[in-house]
Amino acid sequence: MNIDFNKISDTYGDSVIELVRDNIEDVNENINYMIKLGFTDIEDIFERYTLIFIDTPSTFKYKLNKLINELGSNYIDIIENDLFILEKLMY
């Protein structure tokens, strides 16, 4: 993956880059979970919504699965066509 950390830094600041580095195992597990679910635009999702990937894997999976249940079986298309939906995972 080609993550643009400058873009993340511009959006969230250097402190979030440090959070990613400090929680890299959780971040990797959360990214891999989205890949396992079939998401294809992981780089863009990660760059735009970095903070959701810093959650513990259990919290991340809970929040994402709850959103998926709300959206239904076409969740990948819905989310990848309107990434703003992921804002729900940030709270």
PDB file of N, CA and C in Angstrom:
ATOM      1  N   MET A   1       0.836  -1.186   0.000  1.00  0.00           N
ATOM      2  CA  MET A   1       0.000   0.000   0.000  1.00  0.00           C
ATOM      3  C   MET A   1       0.876   1.243   0.000  1.00  0.00           C
ATOM      4  N   ASN A   2       0.387   2.258  -0.675  1.00  0.00           N
ATOM      5  CA  ASN A   2       1.064   3.549  -0.714  1.00  0.00           C
ATOM      6  C   ASN A   2       0.258   4.572   0.060  1.00  0.00           C
ATOM      7  N   ILE A   3       0.557   4.689   1.326  1.00  0.00           N
ATOM      8  CA  ILE A   3      -0.132   5.648   2.189  1.00  0.00           C
ATOM      9  C   ILE A   3       0.612   6.980   2.106  1.00  0.00           C
ATOM     10  N   ASP A   4      -0.134   8.050   1.895  1.00  0.00           N
ATOM     11  CA  ASP A   4       0.441   9.395   1.850  1.00  0.00           C
ATOM     12  C   ASP A   4       0.379   9.992   3.260  1.00  0.00           C
ATOM     13  N   PHE A   5       1.449   9.797   4.020  1.00  0.00           N
ATOM     14  CA  PHE A   5       1.479  10.283   5.397  1.00  0.00           C
ATOM     15  C   PHE A   5       1.532  11.808   5.461  1.00  0.00           C
ATOM     16  N   ASN A   6       1.995  12.453   4.410  1.00  0.00           N
ATOM     17  CA  ASN A   6       1.953  13.919   4.369  1.00  0.00           C
ATOM     18  C   ASN A   6       0.511  14.410   4.339  1.00  0.00           C
ATOM     19  N   LYS A   7      -0.327  13.697   3.583  1.00  0.00           N
ATOM     20  CA  LYS A   7      -1.746  14.048   3.516  1.00  0.00           C
ATOM     21  C   LYS A   7      -2.396  13.887   4.890  1.00  0.00           C
ATOM     22  N   ILE A   8      -2.055  12.804   5.585  1.00  0.00           N
ATOM     23  CA  ILE A   8      -2.586  12.570   6.931  1.00  0.00           C
ATOM     24  C   ILE A   8      -2.106  13.661   7.877  1.00  0.00           C
ATOM     25  N   SER A   9      -0.831  13.990   7.792  1.00  0.00           N
ATOM     26  CA  SER A   9      -0.259  15.028   8.650  1.00  0.00           C
ATOM     27  C   SER A   9      -0.921  16.379   8.385  1.00  0.00           C
ATOM     28  N   ASP A  10      -1.175  16.697   7.114  1.00  0.00           N
ATOM     29  CA  ASP A  10      -1.842  17.952   6.772  1.00  0.00           C
ATOM     30  C   ASP A  10      -3.261  18.004   7.327  1.00  0.00           C
ATOM     31  N   THR A  11      -3.937  16.853   7.328  1.00  0.00           N
ATOM     32  CA  THR A  11      -5.320  16.796   7.791  1.00  0.00           C
ATOM     33  C   THR A  11      -5.420  16.766   9.305  1.00  0.00           C
ATOM     34  N   TYR A  12      -4.625  15.898   9.923  1.00  0.00           N
ATOM     35  CA  TYR A  12      -4.779  15.636  11.357  1.00  0.00           C
ATOM     36  C   TYR A  12      -3.636  16.154  12.226  1.00  0.00           C
ATOM     37  N   GLY A  13      -2.496  16.447  11.630  1.00  0.00           N
ATOM     38  CA  GLY A  13      -1.339  16.885  12.398  1.00  0.00           C
ATOM     39  C   GLY A  13      -0.374  15.738  12.668  1.00  0.00           C
ATOM     40  N   ASP A  14       0.807  16.100  13.068  1.00  0.00           N
ATOM     41  CA  ASP A  14       1.861  15.112  13.316  1.00  0.00           C
ATOM     42  C   ASP A  14       1.545  14.194  14.487  1.00  0.00           C
ATOM     43  N   SER A  15       0.727  14.645  15.420  1.00  0.00           N
ATOM     44  CA  SER A  15       0.408  13.805  16.570  1.00  0.00           C
ATOM     45  C   SER A  15      -0.324  12.530  16.153  1.00  0.00           C
ATOM     46  N   VAL A  16      -1.112  12.602  15.091  1.00  0.00           N
ATOM     47  CA  VAL A  16      -1.821  11.413  14.621  1.00  0.00           C
ATOM     48  C   VAL A  16      -0.841  10.442  13.952  1.00  0.00           C
ATOM     49  N   ILE A  17       0.157  10.973  13.275  1.00  0.00           N
ATOM     50  CA  ILE A  17       1.192  10.114  12.701  1.00  0.00           C
ATOM     51  C   ILE A  17       1.882   9.342  13.823  1.00  0.00           C
ATOM     52  N   GLU A  18       2.150  10.023  14.930  1.00  0.00           N
ATOM     53  CA  GLU A  18       2.755   9.363  16.093  1.00  0.00           C
ATOM     54  C   GLU A  18       1.822   8.306  16.674  1.00  0.00           C
ATOM     55  N   LEU A  19       0.516   8.602  16.732  1.00  0.00           N
ATOM     56  CA  LEU A  19      -0.455   7.619  17.213  1.00  0.00           C
ATOM     57  C   LEU A  19      -0.469   6.372  16.337  1.00  0.00           C
ATOM     58  N   VAL A  20      -0.403   6.577  15.031  1.00  0.00           N
ATOM     59  CA  VAL A  20      -0.353   5.448  14.105  1.00  0.00           C
ATOM     60  C   VAL A  20       0.885   4.620  14.390  1.00  0.00           C
ATOM     61  N   ARG A  21       2.016   5.281  14.506  1.00  0.00           N
ATOM     62  CA  ARG A  21       3.272   4.574  14.771  1.00  0.00           C
ATOM     63  C   ARG A  21       3.215   3.818  16.098  1.00  0.00           C
ATOM     64  N   ASP A  22       2.660   4.452  17.126  1.00  0.00           N
ATOM     65  CA  ASP A  22       2.585   3.834  18.444  1.00  0.00           C
ATOM     66  C   ASP A  22       1.593   2.673  18.504  1.00  0.00           C
ATOM     67  N   ASN A  23       0.642   2.657  17.574  1.00  0.00           N
ATOM     68  CA  ASN A  23      -0.404   1.623  17.558  1.00  0.00           C
ATOM     69  C   ASN A  23      -0.394   0.832  16.257  1.00  0.00           C
ATOM     70  N   ILE A  24       0.772   0.686  15.666  1.00  0.00           N
ATOM     71  CA  ILE A  24       0.882   0.103  14.319  1.00  0.00           C
ATOM     72  C   ILE A  24       0.313  -1.311  14.228  1.00  0.00           C
ATOM     73  N   GLU A  25       0.436  -2.111  15.282  1.00  0.00           N
ATOM     74  CA  GLU A  25      -0.111  -3.468  15.234  1.00  0.00           C
ATOM     75  C   GLU A  25      -1.632  -3.439  15.123  1.00  0.00           C
ATOM     76  N   ASP A  26      -2.281  -2.589  15.928  1.00  0.00           N
ATOM     77  CA  ASP A  26      -3.734  -2.444  15.841  1.00  0.00           C
ATOM     78  C   ASP A  26      -4.149  -1.879  14.490  1.00  0.00           C
ATOM     79  N   VAL A  27      -3.418  -0.884  14.019  1.00  0.00           N
ATOM     80  CA  VAL A  27      -3.720  -0.272  12.722  1.00  0.00           C
ATOM     81  C   VAL A  27      -3.643  -1.329  11.620  1.00  0.00           C
ATOM     82  N   ASN A  28      -2.586  -2.128  11.623  1.00  0.00           N
ATOM     83  CA  ASN A  28      -2.431  -3.181  10.610  1.00  0.00           C
ATOM     84  C   ASN A  28      -3.566  -4.199  10.688  1.00  0.00           C
ATOM     85  N   GLU A  29      -3.926  -4.602  11.894  1.00  0.00           N
ATOM     86  CA  GLU A  29      -5.010  -5.575  12.049  1.00  0.00           C
ATOM     87  C   GLU A  29      -6.334  -4.994  11.544  1.00  0.00           C
ATOM     88  N   ASN A  30      -6.573  -3.726  11.815  1.00  0.00           N
ATOM     89  CA  ASN A  30      -7.809  -3.086  11.364  1.00  0.00           C
ATOM     90  C   ASN A  30      -7.836  -2.940   9.842  1.00  0.00           C
ATOM     91  N   ILE A  31      -6.711  -2.585   9.257  1.00  0.00           N
ATOM     92  CA  ILE A  31      -6.617  -2.509   7.795  1.00  0.00           C
ATOM     93  C   ILE A  31      -6.874  -3.882   7.192  1.00  0.00           C
ATOM     94  N   ASN A  32      -6.240  -4.896   7.747  1.00  0.00           N
ATOM     95  CA  ASN A  32      -6.411  -6.260   7.227  1.00  0.00           C
ATOM     96  C   ASN A  32      -7.852  -6.739   7.357  1.00  0.00           C
ATOM     97  N   TYR A  33      -8.546  -6.315   8.401  1.00  0.00           N
ATOM     98  CA  TYR A  33      -9.954  -6.678   8.553  1.00  0.00           C
ATOM     99  C   TYR A  33     -10.782  -6.078   7.419  1.00  0.00           C
ATOM    100  N   MET A  34     -10.511  -4.828   7.075  1.00  0.00           N
ATOM    101  CA  MET A  34     -11.255  -4.209   5.970  1.00  0.00           C
ATOM    102  C   MET A  34     -10.937  -4.897   4.647  1.00  0.00           C
ATOM    103  N   ILE A  35      -9.696  -5.278   4.460  1.00  0.00           N
ATOM    104  CA  ILE A  35      -9.320  -6.008   3.251  1.00  0.00           C
ATOM    105  C   ILE A  35     -10.058  -7.343   3.206  1.00  0.00           C
ATOM    106  N   LYS A  36     -10.099  -8.038   4.337  1.00  0.00           N
ATOM    107  CA  LYS A  36     -10.795  -9.322   4.426  1.00  0.00           C
ATOM    108  C   LYS A  36     -12.274  -9.180   4.073  1.00  0.00           C
ATOM    109  N   LEU A  37     -12.862  -8.053   4.449  1.00  0.00           N
ATOM    110  CA  LEU A  37     -14.273  -7.809   4.152  1.00  0.00           C
ATOM    111  C   LEU A  37     -14.515  -7.473   2.683  1.00  0.00           C
ATOM    112  N   GLY A  38     -13.443  -7.155   1.946  1.00  0.00           N
ATOM    113  CA  GLY A  38     -13.584  -6.896   0.520  1.00  0.00           C
ATOM    114  C   GLY A  38     -13.434  -5.453   0.093  1.00  0.00           C
ATOM    115  N   PHE A  39     -13.071  -4.568   1.001  1.00  0.00           N
ATOM    116  CA  PHE A  39     -12.870  -3.172   0.623  1.00  0.00           C
ATOM    117  C   PHE A  39     -11.653  -3.071  -0.292  1.00  0.00           C
ATOM    118  N   THR A  40     -11.744  -2.209  -1.285  1.00  0.00           N
ATOM    119  CA  THR A  40     -10.668  -2.101  -2.275  1.00  0.00           C
ATOM    120  C   THR A  40      -9.947  -0.757  -2.232  1.00  0.00           C
ATOM    121  N   ASP A  41     -10.527   0.225  -1.604  1.00  0.00           N
ATOM    122  CA  ASP A  41      -9.955   1.572  -1.592  1.00  0.00           C
ATOM    123  C   ASP A  41      -9.378   1.913  -0.219  1.00  0.00           C
ATOM    124  N   ILE A  42      -8.619   0.983   0.333  1.00  0.00           N
ATOM    125  CA  ILE A  42      -8.111   1.104   1.691  1.00  0.00           C
ATOM    126  C   ILE A  42      -7.227   2.332   1.865  1.00  0.00           C
ATOM    127  N   GLU A  43      -6.376   2.622   0.885  1.00  0.00           N
ATOM    128  CA  GLU A  43      -5.472   3.768   1.025  1.00  0.00           C
ATOM    129  C   GLU A  43      -6.250   5.059   1.242  1.00  0.00           C
ATOM    130  N   ASP A  44      -7.237   5.301   0.406  1.00  0.00           N
ATOM    131  CA  ASP A  44      -8.019   6.527   0.520  1.00  0.00           C
ATOM    132  C   ASP A  44      -8.792   6.556   1.839  1.00  0.00           C
ATOM    133  N   ILE A  45      -9.389   5.419   2.196  1.00  0.00           N
ATOM    134  CA  ILE A  45     -10.122   5.341   3.458  1.00  0.00           C
ATOM    135  C   ILE A  45      -9.184   5.642   4.619  1.00  0.00           C
ATOM    136  N   PHE A  46      -8.004   5.043   4.612  1.00  0.00           N
ATOM    137  CA  PHE A  46      -7.053   5.243   5.701  1.00  0.00           C
ATOM    138  C   PHE A  46      -6.580   6.688   5.774  1.00  0.00           C
ATOM    139  N   GLU A  47      -6.274   7.273   4.634  1.00  0.00           N
ATOM    140  CA  GLU A  47      -5.794   8.655   4.624  1.00  0.00           C
ATOM    141  C   GLU A  47      -6.860   9.641   5.091  1.00  0.00           C
ATOM    142  N   ARG A  48      -8.111   9.375   4.764  1.00  0.00           N
ATOM    143  CA  ARG A  48      -9.180  10.307   5.115  1.00  0.00           C
ATOM    144  C   ARG A  48      -9.737  10.084   6.520  1.00  0.00           C
ATOM    145  N   TYR A  49      -9.674   8.844   6.996  1.00  0.00           N
ATOM    146  CA  TYR A  49     -10.274   8.497   8.290  1.00  0.00           C
ATOM    147  C   TYR A  49      -9.287   7.734   9.161  1.00  0.00           C
ATOM    148  N   THR A  50      -8.091   8.245   9.257  1.00  0.00           N
ATOM    149  CA  THR A  50      -7.014   7.603   9.997  1.00  0.00           C
ATOM    150  C   THR A  50      -7.409   7.270  11.430  1.00  0.00           C
ATOM    151  N   LEU A  51      -8.122   8.155  12.068  1.00  0.00           N
ATOM    152  CA  LEU A  51      -8.442   7.982  13.484  1.00  0.00           C
ATOM    153  C   LEU A  51      -9.238   6.718  13.779  1.00  0.00           C
ATOM    154  N   ILE A  52     -10.060   6.256  12.843  1.00  0.00           N
ATOM    155  CA  ILE A  52     -10.839   5.045  13.116  1.00  0.00           C
ATOM    156  C   ILE A  52      -9.942   3.811  13.197  1.00  0.00           C
ATOM    157  N   PHE A  53      -8.803   3.852  12.539  1.00  0.00           N
ATOM    158  CA  PHE A  53      -7.906   2.702  12.511  1.00  0.00           C
ATOM    159  C   PHE A  53      -7.048   2.594  13.771  1.00  0.00           C
ATOM    160  N   ILE A  54      -7.075   3.601  14.599  1.00  0.00           N
ATOM    161  CA  ILE A  54      -6.273   3.594  15.823  1.00  0.00           C
ATOM    162  C   ILE A  54      -7.008   2.870  16.953  1.00  0.00           C
ATOM    163  N   ASP A  55      -8.306   2.673  16.804  1.00  0.00           N
ATOM    164  CA  ASP A  55      -9.072   1.907  17.795  1.00  0.00           C
ATOM    165  C   ASP A  55      -8.477   0.513  17.959  1.00  0.00           C
ATOM    166  N   THR A  56      -8.732  -0.103  19.119  1.00  0.00           N
ATOM    167  CA  THR A  56      -8.341  -1.499  19.282  1.00  0.00           C
ATOM    168  C   THR A  56      -9.094  -2.323  18.246  1.00  0.00           C
ATOM    169  N   PRO A  57      -8.540  -3.439  17.820  1.00  0.00           N
ATOM    170  CA  PRO A  57      -9.236  -4.257  16.824  1.00  0.00           C
ATOM    171  C   PRO A  57     -10.649  -4.658  17.246  1.00  0.00           C
ATOM    172  N   SER A  58     -10.850  -4.968  18.509  1.00  0.00           N
ATOM    173  CA  SER A  58     -12.200  -5.367  18.930  1.00  0.00           C
ATOM    174  C   SER A  58     -13.181  -4.198  18.811  1.00  0.00           C
ATOM    175  N   THR A  59     -12.766  -3.002  19.186  1.00  0.00           N
ATOM    176  CA  THR A  59     -13.624  -1.823  19.054  1.00  0.00           C
ATOM    177  C   THR A  59     -13.863  -1.495  17.586  1.00  0.00           C
ATOM    178  N   PHE A  60     -12.810  -1.542  16.796  1.00  0.00           N
ATOM    179  CA  PHE A  60     -12.917  -1.265  15.362  1.00  0.00           C
ATOM    180  C   PHE A  60     -13.906  -2.230  14.708  1.00  0.00           C
ATOM    181  N   LYS A  61     -13.746  -3.513  14.976  1.00  0.00           N
ATOM    182  CA  LYS A  61     -14.632  -4.522  14.375  1.00  0.00           C
ATOM    183  C   LYS A  61     -16.072  -4.321  14.834  1.00  0.00           C
ATOM    184  N   TYR A  62     -16.259  -4.022  16.108  1.00  0.00           N
ATOM    185  CA  TYR A  62     -17.611  -3.792  16.625  1.00  0.00           C
ATOM    186  C   TYR A  62     -18.277  -2.632  15.889  1.00  0.00           C
ATOM    187  N   LYS A  63     -17.578  -1.504  15.809  1.00  0.00           N
ATOM    188  CA  LYS A  63     -18.134  -0.318  15.156  1.00  0.00           C
ATOM    189  C   LYS A  63     -18.402  -0.571  13.671  1.00  0.00           C
ATOM    190  N   LEU A  64     -17.434  -1.197  12.994  1.00  0.00           N
ATOM    191  CA  LEU A  64     -17.591  -1.449  11.564  1.00  0.00           C
ATOM    192  C   LEU A  64     -18.713  -2.448  11.305  1.00  0.00           C
ATOM    193  N   ASN A  65     -18.772  -3.511  12.091  1.00  0.00           N
ATOM    194  CA  ASN A  65     -19.833  -4.505  11.905  1.00  0.00           C
ATOM    195  C   ASN A  65     -21.210  -3.912  12.177  1.00  0.00           C
ATOM    196  N   LYS A  66     -21.297  -3.025  13.155  1.00  0.00           N
ATOM    197  CA  LYS A  66     -22.568  -2.350  13.439  1.00  0.00           C
ATOM    198  C   LYS A  66     -22.997  -1.503  12.233  1.00  0.00           C
ATOM    199  N   LEU A  67     -22.050  -0.777  11.654  1.00  0.00           N
ATOM    200  CA  LEU A  67     -22.346   0.026  10.469  1.00  0.00           C
ATOM    201  C   LEU A  67     -22.754  -0.867   9.291  1.00  0.00           C
ATOM    202  N   ILE A  68     -22.047  -1.961   9.103  1.00  0.00           N
ATOM    203  CA  ILE A  68     -22.370  -2.892   8.020  1.00  0.00           C
ATOM    204  C   ILE A  68     -23.787  -3.429   8.179  1.00  0.00           C
ATOM    205  N   ASN A  69     -24.163  -3.779   9.407  1.00  0.00           N
ATOM    206  CA  ASN A  69     -25.524  -4.275   9.651  1.00  0.00           C
ATOM    207  C   ASN A  69     -26.568  -3.224   9.311  1.00  0.00           C
ATOM    208  N   GLU A  70     -26.267  -1.958   9.575  1.00  0.00           N
ATOM    209  CA  GLU A  70     -27.191  -0.874   9.237  1.00  0.00           C
ATOM    210  C   GLU A  70     -27.323  -0.703   7.730  1.00  0.00           C
ATOM    211  N   LEU A  71     -26.210  -0.891   7.003  1.00  0.00           N
ATOM    212  CA  LEU A  71     -26.201  -0.616   5.561  1.00  0.00           C
ATOM    213  C   LEU A  71     -26.699  -1.788   4.724  1.00  0.00           C
ATOM    214  N   GLY A  72     -26.557  -3.003   5.215  1.00  0.00           N
ATOM    215  CA  GLY A  72     -27.004  -4.169   4.464  1.00  0.00           C
ATOM    216  C   GLY A  72     -25.909  -4.770   3.607  1.00  0.00           C
ATOM    217  N   SER A  73     -26.307  -5.716   2.779  1.00  0.00           N
ATOM    218  CA  SER A  73     -25.345  -6.528   2.028  1.00  0.00           C
ATOM    219  C   SER A  73     -24.533  -5.747   0.994  1.00  0.00           C
ATOM    220  N   ASN A  74     -24.982  -4.597   0.598  1.00  0.00           N
ATOM    221  CA  ASN A  74     -24.279  -3.788  -0.400  1.00  0.00           C
ATOM    222  C   ASN A  74     -23.367  -2.748   0.269  1.00  0.00           C
ATOM    223  N   TYR A  75     -22.916  -3.046   1.485  1.00  0.00           N
ATOM    224  CA  TYR A  75     -22.172  -2.088   2.301  1.00  0.00           C
ATOM    225  C   TYR A  75     -20.891  -1.590   1.648  1.00  0.00           C
ATOM    226  N   ILE A  76     -20.183  -2.432   0.913  1.00  0.00           N
ATOM    227  CA  ILE A  76     -18.922  -1.995   0.308  1.00  0.00           C
ATOM    228  C   ILE A  76     -19.180  -0.888  -0.701  1.00  0.00           C
ATOM    229  N   ASP A  77     -20.119  -1.098  -1.595  1.00  0.00           N
ATOM    230  CA  ASP A  77     -20.443  -0.070  -2.590  1.00  0.00           C
ATOM    231  C   ASP A  77     -20.924   1.216  -1.922  1.00  0.00           C
ATOM    232  N   ILE A  78     -21.763   1.068  -0.915  1.00  0.00           N
ATOM    233  CA  ILE A  78     -22.302   2.238  -0.234  1.00  0.00           C
ATOM    234  C   ILE A  78     -21.175   3.036   0.410  1.00  0.00           C
ATOM    235  N   ILE A  79     -20.314   2.367   1.147  1.00  0.00           N
ATOM    236  CA  ILE A  79     -19.230   3.050   1.853  1.00  0.00           C
ATOM    237  C   ILE A  79     -18.212   3.625   0.876  1.00  0.00           C
ATOM    238  N   GLU A  80     -17.790   2.836  -0.113  1.00  0.00           N
ATOM    239  CA  GLU A  80     -16.754   3.322  -1.025  1.00  0.00           C
ATOM    240  C   GLU A  80     -17.247   4.433  -1.941  1.00  0.00           C
ATOM    241  N   ASN A  81     -18.547   4.553  -2.119  1.00  0.00           N
ATOM    242  CA  ASN A  81     -19.096   5.649  -2.907  1.00  0.00           C
ATOM    243  C   ASN A  81     -19.439   6.874  -2.072  1.00  0.00           C
ATOM    244  N   ASP A  82     -19.446   6.721  -0.747  1.00  0.00           N
ATOM    245  CA  ASP A  82     -19.725   7.837   0.150  1.00  0.00           C
ATOM    246  C   ASP A  82     -18.950   7.624   1.446  1.00  0.00           C
ATOM    247  N   LEU A  83     -17.660   7.908   1.407  1.00  0.00           N
ATOM    248  CA  LEU A  83     -16.798   7.668   2.558  1.00  0.00           C
ATOM    249  C   LEU A  83     -17.220   8.458   3.792  1.00  0.00           C
ATOM    250  N   PHE A  84     -18.004   9.486   3.599  1.00  0.00           N
ATOM    251  CA  PHE A  84     -18.480  10.284   4.730  1.00  0.00           C
ATOM    252  C   PHE A  84     -19.225   9.418   5.749  1.00  0.00           C
ATOM    253  N   ILE A  85     -19.798   8.321   5.286  1.00  0.00           N
ATOM    254  CA  ILE A  85     -20.507   7.389   6.160  1.00  0.00           C
ATOM    255  C   ILE A  85     -19.592   6.903   7.284  1.00  0.00           C
ATOM    256  N   LEU A  86     -18.299   6.838   7.017  1.00  0.00           N
ATOM    257  CA  LEU A  86     -17.345   6.355   8.009  1.00  0.00           C
ATOM    258  C   LEU A  86     -17.178   7.309   9.177  1.00  0.00           C
ATOM    259  N   GLU A  87     -17.705   8.518   9.065  1.00  0.00           N
ATOM    260  CA  GLU A  87     -17.665   9.465  10.176  1.00  0.00           C
ATOM    261  C   GLU A  87     -18.292   8.855  11.424  1.00  0.00           C
ATOM    262  N   LYS A  88     -19.294   7.981  11.233  1.00  0.00           N
ATOM    263  CA  LYS A  88     -19.970   7.337  12.352  1.00  0.00           C
ATOM    264  C   LYS A  88     -18.995   6.518  13.196  1.00  0.00           C
ATOM    265  N   LEU A  89     -17.946   6.024  12.603  1.00  0.00           N
ATOM    266  CA  LEU A  89     -16.986   5.184  13.317  1.00  0.00           C
ATOM    267  C   LEU A  89     -16.026   5.977  14.171  1.00  0.00           C
ATOM    268  N   MET A  90     -15.997   7.266  14.006  1.00  0.00           N
ATOM    269  CA  MET A  90     -15.036   8.092  14.718  1.00  0.00           C
ATOM    270  C   MET A  90     -15.518   8.452  16.122  1.00  0.00           C
ATOM    271  N   TYR A  91     -16.754   8.115  16.468  1.00  0.00           N
ATOM    272  CA  TYR A  91     -17.293   8.503  17.772  1.00  0.00           C
ATOM    273  C   TYR A  91     -17.716   7.311  18.576  1.00  0.00           C
TER     274      TYR A  91
END
